[in-house]
Amino acid sequence: MVRSSSSQEFRLQVPSLDQAAFLLDFDGTLVDIAPTPDSVVVPDGLLETLRNLRAACGDALAIISGRSIDQIDHFLGDVPFAVAGEHGIAVRHRPGGPIERAALPQVPQAWFDEARNLVAAWPGARLEHKPGGFVLHYRAVPEAGEALRKAAENWVKDTKGIFEVQTAKMAWEIRPAGVDKGYAVSLLMESVPFAGRKPIFVGDDVTDEDGMATAVRLGGLGLRIPADFPNPTAFRNWLASLVEGGN
């Protein structure tokens, strides 16, 4: 059984909510992209929509983000049942549960040192540390993108596939290979309340493609902004339309 739901000019076929599991990206999907990570605004009504969605799909609601789990908790509190942070490196399967972390290779200190010097040479570029790697942001200085990409690729080229360069929005992320949002989707779908349901993964970025592909492989849907929804506002409206009249 599928349920038809429309919002604005588009229409999608989704599993009925008692058969679906929702695994959603945060930045650029549930909330609009902001100039800095800390300046993101959670729109009015979003938390209520997510609470209603979680209730309608038997708790099978997860956020899968590049942010840390603590950051998602700051913005969304206990609304999602499960949270995967750091692109799948950290996973909390249930509210208040332990955080499971994937075993990660050690990032060479020399890379961090060189990265600090590199962003200092491009005023407006920013270095973000993450467990297992780091991100080179160039949103404020687009002309730095090529130089930062070359440096990132040079660092990982001799690691025999242990590390990779992940393209993001106006950023390059140096991270361990094989632990990604698809890995998080697979892990979450193995246990209650997600097991046995059809996963619906929604994202907006290259970093979400592994999650989309895994959801499709598991018999569900992989949806993307702007291909399936023009922007986060439209996606939020669509989510609200799923639960407005019940399932």
C-alpha atoms as a PDB file:
ATOM      1  CA  MET A   1       0.000   0.000   0.000  1.00  0.00           C
ATOM      2  CA  VAL A   2       1.236   3.492  -0.823  1.00  0.00           C
ATOM      3  CA  ARG A   3      -0.044   6.862   0.137  1.00  0.00           C
ATOM      4  CA  SER A   4      -0.221   9.795  -2.265  1.00  0.00           C
ATOM      5  CA  SER A   5       0.693  13.173  -0.829  1.00  0.00           C
ATOM      6  CA  SER A   6       1.024  16.478  -2.615  1.00  0.00           C
ATOM      7  CA  SER A   7       2.625  19.753  -1.636  1.00  0.00           C
ATOM      8  CA  GLN A   8       2.729  22.746  -3.959  1.00  0.00           C
ATOM      9  CA  GLU A   9       3.430  21.569  -7.495  1.00  0.00           C
ATOM     10  CA  PHE A  10       4.864  18.124  -6.891  1.00  0.00           C
ATOM     11  CA  ARG A  11       3.451  14.736  -5.965  1.00  0.00           C
ATOM     12  CA  LEU A  12       5.112  11.649  -4.532  1.00  0.00           C
ATOM     13  CA  GLN A  13       4.119   8.093  -3.784  1.00  0.00           C
ATOM     14  CA  VAL A  14       5.290   6.992  -0.340  1.00  0.00           C
ATOM     15  CA  PRO A  15       4.615   3.898   1.768  1.00  0.00           C
ATOM     16  CA  SER A  16       1.799   4.229   4.276  1.00  0.00           C
ATOM     17  CA  LEU A  17       3.162   5.608   7.535  1.00  0.00           C
ATOM     18  CA  ASP A  18       2.602   2.344   9.405  1.00  0.00           C
ATOM     19  CA  GLN A  19       5.049   0.741   6.956  1.00  0.00           C
ATOM     20  CA  ALA A  20       7.562   3.569   6.594  1.00  0.00           C
ATOM     21  CA  ALA A  21      10.733   4.642   8.388  1.00  0.00           C
ATOM     22  CA  PHE A  22      11.941   8.227   7.933  1.00  0.00           C
ATOM     23  CA  LEU A  23      15.675   8.952   7.969  1.00  0.00           C
ATOM     24  CA  LEU A  24      16.261  12.639   7.373  1.00  0.00           C
ATOM     25  CA  ASP A  25      19.219  14.932   6.862  1.00  0.00           C
ATOM     26  CA  PHE A  26      19.202  18.161   8.891  1.00  0.00           C
ATOM     27  CA  ASP A  27      21.015  21.114   7.256  1.00  0.00           C
ATOM     28  CA  GLY A  28      19.569  22.028   3.883  1.00  0.00           C
ATOM     29  CA  THR A  29      16.767  19.479   4.278  1.00  0.00           C
ATOM     30  CA  LEU A  30      14.809  20.050   7.485  1.00  0.00           C
ATOM     31  CA  VAL A  31      16.271  23.517   8.001  1.00  0.00           C
ATOM     32  CA  ASP A  32      17.579  26.128   5.584  1.00  0.00           C
ATOM     33  CA  ILE A  33      21.297  26.486   5.048  1.00  0.00           C
ATOM     34  CA  ALA A  34      22.693  29.319   7.183  1.00  0.00           C
ATOM     35  CA  PRO A  35      25.902  31.364   6.838  1.00  0.00           C
ATOM     36  CA  THR A  36      27.386  29.491   9.826  1.00  0.00           C
ATOM     37  CA  PRO A  37      26.377  26.205  11.518  1.00  0.00           C
ATOM     38  CA  ASP A  38      25.466  28.012  14.745  1.00  0.00           C
ATOM     39  CA  SER A  39      23.113  30.448  13.013  1.00  0.00           C
ATOM     40  CA  VAL A  40      20.677  27.781  11.797  1.00  0.00           C
ATOM     41  CA  VAL A  41      17.058  28.477  12.739  1.00  0.00           C
ATOM     42  CA  VAL A  42      14.528  25.723  13.454  1.00  0.00           C
ATOM     43  CA  PRO A  43      11.321  27.007  11.800  1.00  0.00           C
ATOM     44  CA  ASP A  44       8.085  27.340  13.715  1.00  0.00           C
ATOM     45  CA  GLY A  45       6.014  24.189  13.465  1.00  0.00           C
ATOM     46  CA  LEU A  46       8.860  21.836  12.527  1.00  0.00           C
ATOM     47  CA  LEU A  47       9.142  20.174  15.935  1.00  0.00           C
ATOM     48  CA  GLU A  48       5.396  19.583  16.055  1.00  0.00           C
ATOM     49  CA  THR A  49       5.473  18.072  12.555  1.00  0.00           C
ATOM     50  CA  LEU A  50       8.318  15.740  13.530  1.00  0.00           C
ATOM     51  CA  ARG A  51       6.563  14.681  16.736  1.00  0.00           C
ATOM     52  CA  ASN A  52       3.421  13.870  14.781  1.00  0.00           C
ATOM     53  CA  LEU A  53       5.434  12.003  12.159  1.00  0.00           C
ATOM     54  CA  ARG A  54       7.248   9.959  14.794  1.00  0.00           C
ATOM     55  CA  ALA A  55       3.933   9.008  16.405  1.00  0.00           C
ATOM     56  CA  ALA A  56       2.391   8.091  13.051  1.00  0.00           C
ATOM     57  CA  CYS A  57       5.273   5.823  12.020  1.00  0.00           C
ATOM     58  CA  GLY A  58       5.696   4.018  15.322  1.00  0.00           C
ATOM     59  CA  ASP A  59       8.829   5.906  16.415  1.00  0.00           C
ATOM     60  CA  ALA A  60      10.686   5.085  13.178  1.00  0.00           C
ATOM     61  CA  LEU A  61      12.131   8.579  12.774  1.00  0.00           C
ATOM     62  CA  ALA A  62      15.858   9.267  12.666  1.00  0.00           C
ATOM     63  CA  ILE A  63      18.070  12.239  11.872  1.00  0.00           C
ATOM     64  CA  ILE A  64      21.260  11.394   9.961  1.00  0.00           C
ATOM     65  CA  SER A  65      23.557  14.406   9.843  1.00  0.00           C
ATOM     66  CA  GLY A  66      27.110  15.509   9.405  1.00  0.00           C
ATOM     67  CA  ARG A  67      26.752  17.351  12.699  1.00  0.00           C
ATOM     68  CA  SER A  68      27.509  15.803  16.057  1.00  0.00           C
ATOM     69  CA  ILE A  69      24.700  14.135  17.986  1.00  0.00           C
ATOM     70  CA  ASP A  70      25.012  16.860  20.653  1.00  0.00           C
ATOM     71  CA  GLN A  71      24.333  19.515  18.023  1.00  0.00           C
ATOM     72  CA  ILE A  72      21.233  17.724  16.755  1.00  0.00           C
ATOM     73  CA  ASP A  73      20.020  17.382  20.357  1.00  0.00           C
ATOM     74  CA  HIS A  74      20.513  21.140  20.798  1.00  0.00           C
ATOM     75  CA  PHE A  75      18.242  21.931  17.862  1.00  0.00           C
ATOM     76  CA  LEU A  76      15.693  19.096  18.027  1.00  0.00           C
ATOM     77  CA  GLY A  77      15.805  17.847  21.620  1.00  0.00           C
ATOM     78  CA  ASP A  78      14.254  14.415  22.092  1.00  0.00           C
ATOM     79  CA  VAL A  79      11.970  14.670  19.051  1.00  0.00           C
ATOM     80  CA  PRO A  80      13.727  12.100  16.797  1.00  0.00           C
ATOM     81  CA  PHE A  81      13.854   8.521  18.100  1.00  0.00           C
ATOM     82  CA  ALA A  82      17.360   7.843  16.745  1.00  0.00           C
ATOM     83  CA  VAL A  83      20.217  10.098  15.693  1.00  0.00           C
ATOM     84  CA  ALA A  84      23.298   9.379  13.601  1.00  0.00           C
ATOM     85  CA  GLY A  85      25.941  12.088  13.641  1.00  0.00           C
ATOM     86  CA  GLU A  86      29.250  12.816  11.924  1.00  0.00           C
ATOM     87  CA  HIS A  87      28.020  11.202   8.686  1.00  0.00           C
ATOM     88  CA  GLY A  88      27.398   7.857  10.377  1.00  0.00           C
ATOM     89  CA  ILE A  89      30.460   7.678  12.616  1.00  0.00           C
ATOM     90  CA  ALA A  90      28.305   8.055  15.756  1.00  0.00           C
ATOM     91  CA  VAL A  91      24.898   6.382  16.147  1.00  0.00           C
ATOM     92  CA  ARG A  92      22.389   6.522  19.000  1.00  0.00           C
ATOM     93  CA  HIS A  93      19.658   3.978  18.387  1.00  0.00           C
ATOM     94  CA  ARG A  94      17.102   5.260  20.901  1.00  0.00           C
ATOM     95  CA  PRO A  95      16.460   8.271  23.147  1.00  0.00           C
ATOM     96  CA  GLY A  96      18.849   8.273  26.080  1.00  0.00           C
ATOM     97  CA  GLY A  97      20.691   5.241  24.735  1.00  0.00           C
ATOM     98  CA  PRO A  98      24.448   4.843  24.396  1.00  0.00           C
ATOM     99  CA  ILE A  99      26.284   6.342  21.450  1.00  0.00           C
ATOM    100  CA  GLU A 100      28.015   3.727  19.330  1.00  0.00           C
ATOM    101  CA  ARG A 101      31.102   4.908  17.481  1.00  0.00           C
ATOM    102  CA  ALA A 102      32.731   3.250  14.503  1.00  0.00           C
ATOM    103  CA  ALA A 103      36.405   2.351  14.854  1.00  0.00           C
ATOM    104  CA  LEU A 104      38.380   4.991  12.960  1.00  0.00           C
ATOM    105  CA  PRO A 105      41.908   5.306  11.615  1.00  0.00           C
ATOM    106  CA  GLN A 106      44.143   8.009  13.065  1.00  0.00           C
ATOM    107  CA  VAL A 107      44.415  11.220  11.056  1.00  0.00           C
ATOM    108  CA  PRO A 108      48.080  12.284  10.710  1.00  0.00           C
ATOM    109  CA  GLN A 109      48.877  15.362  12.785  1.00  0.00           C
ATOM    110  CA  ALA A 110      50.799  16.786   9.830  1.00  0.00           C
ATOM    111  CA  TRP A 111      47.516  17.082   7.901  1.00  0.00           C
ATOM    112  CA  PHE A 112      45.994  19.214  10.642  1.00  0.00           C
ATOM    113  CA  ASP A 113      49.090  21.430  10.764  1.00  0.00           C
ATOM    114  CA  GLU A 114      49.111  21.921   7.014  1.00  0.00           C
ATOM    115  CA  ALA A 115      45.354  22.554   6.963  1.00  0.00           C
ATOM    116  CA  ARG A 116      45.660  25.313   9.593  1.00  0.00           C
ATOM    117  CA  ASN A 117      48.371  27.010   7.555  1.00  0.00           C
ATOM    118  CA  LEU A 118      46.343  26.643   4.379  1.00  0.00           C
ATOM    119  CA  VAL A 119      43.144  28.260   5.679  1.00  0.00           C
ATOM    120  CA  ALA A 120      45.226  31.028   7.249  1.00  0.00           C
ATOM    121  CA  ALA A 121      46.494  31.834   3.751  1.00  0.00           C
ATOM    122  CA  TRP A 122      42.888  32.263   2.554  1.00  0.00           C
ATOM    123  CA  PRO A 123      41.090  34.736   4.839  1.00  0.00           C
ATOM    124  CA  GLY A 124      37.488  33.610   5.119  1.00  0.00           C
ATOM    125  CA  ALA A 125      38.293  29.900   4.786  1.00  0.00           C
ATOM    126  CA  ARG A 126      37.608  27.804   7.864  1.00  0.00           C
ATOM    127  CA  LEU A 127      38.924  24.555   9.337  1.00  0.00           C
ATOM    128  CA  GLU A 128      36.398  22.396  11.178  1.00  0.00           C
ATOM    129  CA  HIS A 129      37.663  19.476  13.261  1.00  0.00           C
ATOM    130  CA  LYS A 130      35.582  16.308  13.338  1.00  0.00           C
ATOM    131  CA  PRO A 131      36.196  12.913  14.912  1.00  0.00           C
ATOM    132  CA  GLY A 132      37.986  10.904  12.269  1.00  0.00           C
ATOM    133  CA  GLY A 133      38.837  13.856  10.051  1.00  0.00           C
ATOM    134  CA  PHE A 134      38.242  17.530   9.296  1.00  0.00           C
ATOM    135  CA  VAL A 135      36.485  19.882   6.878  1.00  0.00           C
ATOM    136  CA  LEU A 136      37.866  22.733   4.793  1.00  0.00           C
ATOM    137  CA  HIS A 137      35.102  25.340   4.323  1.00  0.00           C
ATOM    138  CA  TYR A 138      35.343  27.995   1.611  1.00  0.00           C
ATOM    139  CA  ARG A 139      31.806  29.430   1.430  1.00  0.00           C
ATOM    140  CA  ALA A 140      33.129  32.898   2.360  1.00  0.00           C
ATOM    141  CA  VAL A 141      35.993  32.700  -0.134  1.00  0.00           C
ATOM    142  CA  PRO A 142      34.915  30.630  -3.195  1.00  0.00           C
ATOM    143  CA  GLU A 143      38.174  31.298  -5.032  1.00  0.00           C
ATOM    144  CA  ALA A 144      39.969  29.128  -2.448  1.00  0.00           C
ATOM    145  CA  GLY A 145      38.010  26.023  -3.418  1.00  0.00           C
ATOM    146  CA  GLU A 146      40.435  24.653  -5.989  1.00  0.00           C
ATOM    147  CA  ALA A 147      43.536  25.091  -3.816  1.00  0.00           C
ATOM    148  CA  LEU A 148      41.807  23.440  -0.867  1.00  0.00           C
ATOM    149  CA  ARG A 149      40.638  20.547  -3.036  1.00  0.00           C
ATOM    150  CA  LYS A 150      44.133  19.886  -4.369  1.00  0.00           C
ATOM    151  CA  ALA A 151      45.570  19.863  -0.858  1.00  0.00           C
ATOM    152  CA  ALA A 152      42.883  17.489   0.387  1.00  0.00           C
ATOM    153  CA  GLU A 153      43.384  15.083  -2.508  1.00  0.00           C
ATOM    154  CA  ASN A 154      47.138  15.162  -1.988  1.00  0.00           C
ATOM    155  CA  TRP A 155      46.745  14.157   1.669  1.00  0.00           C
ATOM    156  CA  VAL A 156      44.589  11.117   0.971  1.00  0.00           C
ATOM    157  CA  LYS A 157      46.121   9.838  -2.268  1.00  0.00           C
ATOM    158  CA  ASP A 158      48.668   7.507  -0.631  1.00  0.00           C
ATOM    159  CA  THR A 159      46.406   6.105   2.093  1.00  0.00           C
ATOM    160  CA  LYS A 160      45.286   3.121  -0.035  1.00  0.00           C
ATOM    161  CA  GLY A 161      41.639   4.035   0.301  1.00  0.00           C
ATOM    162  CA  ILE A 162      41.638   4.403   4.084  1.00  0.00           C
ATOM    163  CA  PHE A 163      40.721   8.092   3.786  1.00  0.00           C
ATOM    164  CA  GLU A 164      38.685   9.901   1.142  1.00  0.00           C
ATOM    165  CA  VAL A 165      37.761  13.445   0.152  1.00  0.00           C
ATOM    166  CA  GLN A 166      34.010  14.006   0.410  1.00  0.00           C
ATOM    167  CA  THR A 167      32.489  16.847  -1.587  1.00  0.00           C
ATOM    168  CA  ALA A 168      30.094  19.018   0.432  1.00  0.00           C
ATOM    169  CA  LYS A 169      28.449  22.400  -0.126  1.00  0.00           C
ATOM    170  CA  MET A 170      31.333  24.848  -0.470  1.00  0.00           C
ATOM    171  CA  ALA A 171      33.546  22.495   1.536  1.00  0.00           C
ATOM    172  CA  TRP A 172      35.860  19.503   1.268  1.00  0.00           C
ATOM    173  CA  GLU A 173      35.762  16.883   4.007  1.00  0.00           C
ATOM    174  CA  ILE A 174      38.665  14.550   4.695  1.00  0.00           C
ATOM    175  CA  ARG A 175      37.163  11.458   6.327  1.00  0.00           C
ATOM    176  CA  PRO A 176      37.556   7.693   6.750  1.00  0.00           C
ATOM    177  CA  ALA A 177      36.226   5.734   3.789  1.00  0.00           C
ATOM    178  CA  GLY A 178      33.331   3.316   4.227  1.00  0.00           C
ATOM    179  CA  VAL A 179      31.666   4.954   7.233  1.00  0.00           C
ATOM    180  CA  ASP A 180      28.988   7.180   5.759  1.00  0.00           C
ATOM    181  CA  LYS A 181      25.265   7.924   5.840  1.00  0.00           C
ATOM    182  CA  GLY A 182      24.544   4.707   3.977  1.00  0.00           C
ATOM    183  CA  TYR A 183      26.308   2.811   6.740  1.00  0.00           C
ATOM    184  CA  ALA A 184      24.100   4.596   9.290  1.00  0.00           C
ATOM    185  CA  VAL A 185      20.922   3.751   7.360  1.00  0.00           C
ATOM    186  CA  SER A 186      21.911   0.070   7.228  1.00  0.00           C
ATOM    187  CA  LEU A 187      22.716   0.009  10.934  1.00  0.00           C
ATOM    188  CA  LEU A 188      19.477   1.667  12.021  1.00  0.00           C
ATOM    189  CA  MET A 189      17.293  -0.457   9.761  1.00  0.00           C
ATOM    190  CA  GLU A 190      18.508  -3.619  11.500  1.00  0.00           C
ATOM    191  CA  SER A 191      16.747  -2.876  14.795  1.00  0.00           C
ATOM    192  CA  VAL A 192      13.362  -1.885  16.233  1.00  0.00           C
ATOM    193  CA  PRO A 193      11.495   0.352  15.469  1.00  0.00           C
ATOM    194  CA  PHE A 194      13.019   0.588  11.978  1.00  0.00           C
ATOM    195  CA  ALA A 195      13.379  -3.107  11.116  1.00  0.00           C
ATOM    196  CA  GLY A 196      10.815  -4.441   8.669  1.00  0.00           C
ATOM    197  CA  ARG A 197       9.825  -0.990   7.416  1.00  0.00           C
ATOM    198  CA  LYS A 198      10.535   0.751   4.126  1.00  0.00           C
ATOM    199  CA  PRO A 199      13.201   3.438   4.617  1.00  0.00           C
ATOM    200  CA  ILE A 200      12.629   6.920   3.229  1.00  0.00           C
ATOM    201  CA  PHE A 201      15.879   8.886   3.214  1.00  0.00           C
ATOM    202  CA  VAL A 202      15.754  12.563   2.315  1.00  0.00           C
ATOM    203  CA  GLY A 203      18.788  14.810   1.861  1.00  0.00           C
ATOM    204  CA  ASP A 204      20.145  17.659  -0.208  1.00  0.00           C
ATOM    205  CA  ASP A 205      23.848  17.115  -0.720  1.00  0.00           C
ATOM    206  CA  VAL A 206      26.478  14.801  -2.165  1.00  0.00           C
ATOM    207  CA  THR A 207      27.090  13.562   1.379  1.00  0.00           C
ATOM    208  CA  ASP A 208      23.511  12.224   1.402  1.00  0.00           C
ATOM    209  CA  GLU A 209      23.827  10.102  -1.727  1.00  0.00           C
ATOM    210  CA  ASP A 210      25.054   7.020   0.156  1.00  0.00           C
ATOM    211  CA  GLY A 211      21.998   7.234   2.420  1.00  0.00           C
ATOM    212  CA  MET A 212      19.664   7.555  -0.557  1.00  0.00           C
ATOM    213  CA  ALA A 213      21.248   4.615  -2.361  1.00  0.00           C
ATOM    214  CA  THR A 214      21.065   2.402   0.722  1.00  0.00           C
ATOM    215  CA  ALA A 215      17.409   3.276   1.322  1.00  0.00           C
ATOM    216  CA  VAL A 216      16.589   2.291  -2.272  1.00  0.00           C
ATOM    217  CA  ARG A 217      18.593  -0.931  -1.943  1.00  0.00           C
ATOM    218  CA  LEU A 218      16.559  -1.814   1.150  1.00  0.00           C
ATOM    219  CA  GLY A 219      13.283  -1.384  -0.735  1.00  0.00           C
ATOM    220  CA  GLY A 220      12.539   2.215   0.158  1.00  0.00           C
ATOM    221  CA  LEU A 221      13.006   5.665  -1.335  1.00  0.00           C
ATOM    222  CA  GLY A 222      15.899   8.075  -1.677  1.00  0.00           C
ATOM    223  CA  LEU A 223      14.673  11.640  -2.182  1.00  0.00           C
ATOM    224  CA  ARG A 224      16.633  14.827  -2.719  1.00  0.00           C
ATOM    225  CA  ILE A 225      16.280  18.582  -2.598  1.00  0.00           C
ATOM    226  CA  PRO A 226      15.914  20.145  -5.169  1.00  0.00           C
ATOM    227  CA  ALA A 227      15.237  17.156  -7.448  1.00  0.00           C
ATOM    228  CA  ASP A 228      12.140  15.993  -5.551  1.00  0.00           C
ATOM    229  CA  PHE A 229      11.385  19.103  -3.470  1.00  0.00           C
ATOM    230  CA  PRO A 230      12.372  22.605  -4.590  1.00  0.00           C
ATOM    231  CA  ASN A 231      13.642  23.697  -1.169  1.00  0.00           C
ATOM    232  CA  PRO A 232      13.489  22.871   2.563  1.00  0.00           C
ATOM    233  CA  THR A 233      10.277  24.871   3.010  1.00  0.00           C
ATOM    234  CA  ALA A 234       8.517  22.706   0.447  1.00  0.00           C
ATOM    235  CA  PHE A 235       9.864  19.573   2.089  1.00  0.00           C
ATOM    236  CA  ARG A 236       8.663  20.692   5.523  1.00  0.00           C
ATOM    237  CA  ASN A 237       5.234  21.401   4.046  1.00  0.00           C
ATOM    238  CA  TRP A 238       5.181  17.936   2.506  1.00  0.00           C
ATOM    239  CA  LEU A 239       6.067  16.306   5.822  1.00  0.00           C
ATOM    240  CA  ALA A 240       3.295  18.265   7.519  1.00  0.00           C
ATOM    241  CA  SER A 241       0.839  17.154   4.836  1.00  0.00           C
ATOM    242  CA  LEU A 242       1.632  13.504   5.581  1.00  0.00           C
ATOM    243  CA  VAL A 243       0.401  13.788   9.149  1.00  0.00           C
ATOM    244  CA  GLU A 244      -2.269  16.489   8.952  1.00  0.00           C
ATOM    245  CA  GLY A 245      -5.132  14.077   8.409  1.00  0.00           C
ATOM    246  CA  GLY A 246      -3.622  10.964   9.938  1.00  0.00           C
ATOM    247  CA  ASN A 247      -2.525   7.941   7.902  1.00  0.00           C
END
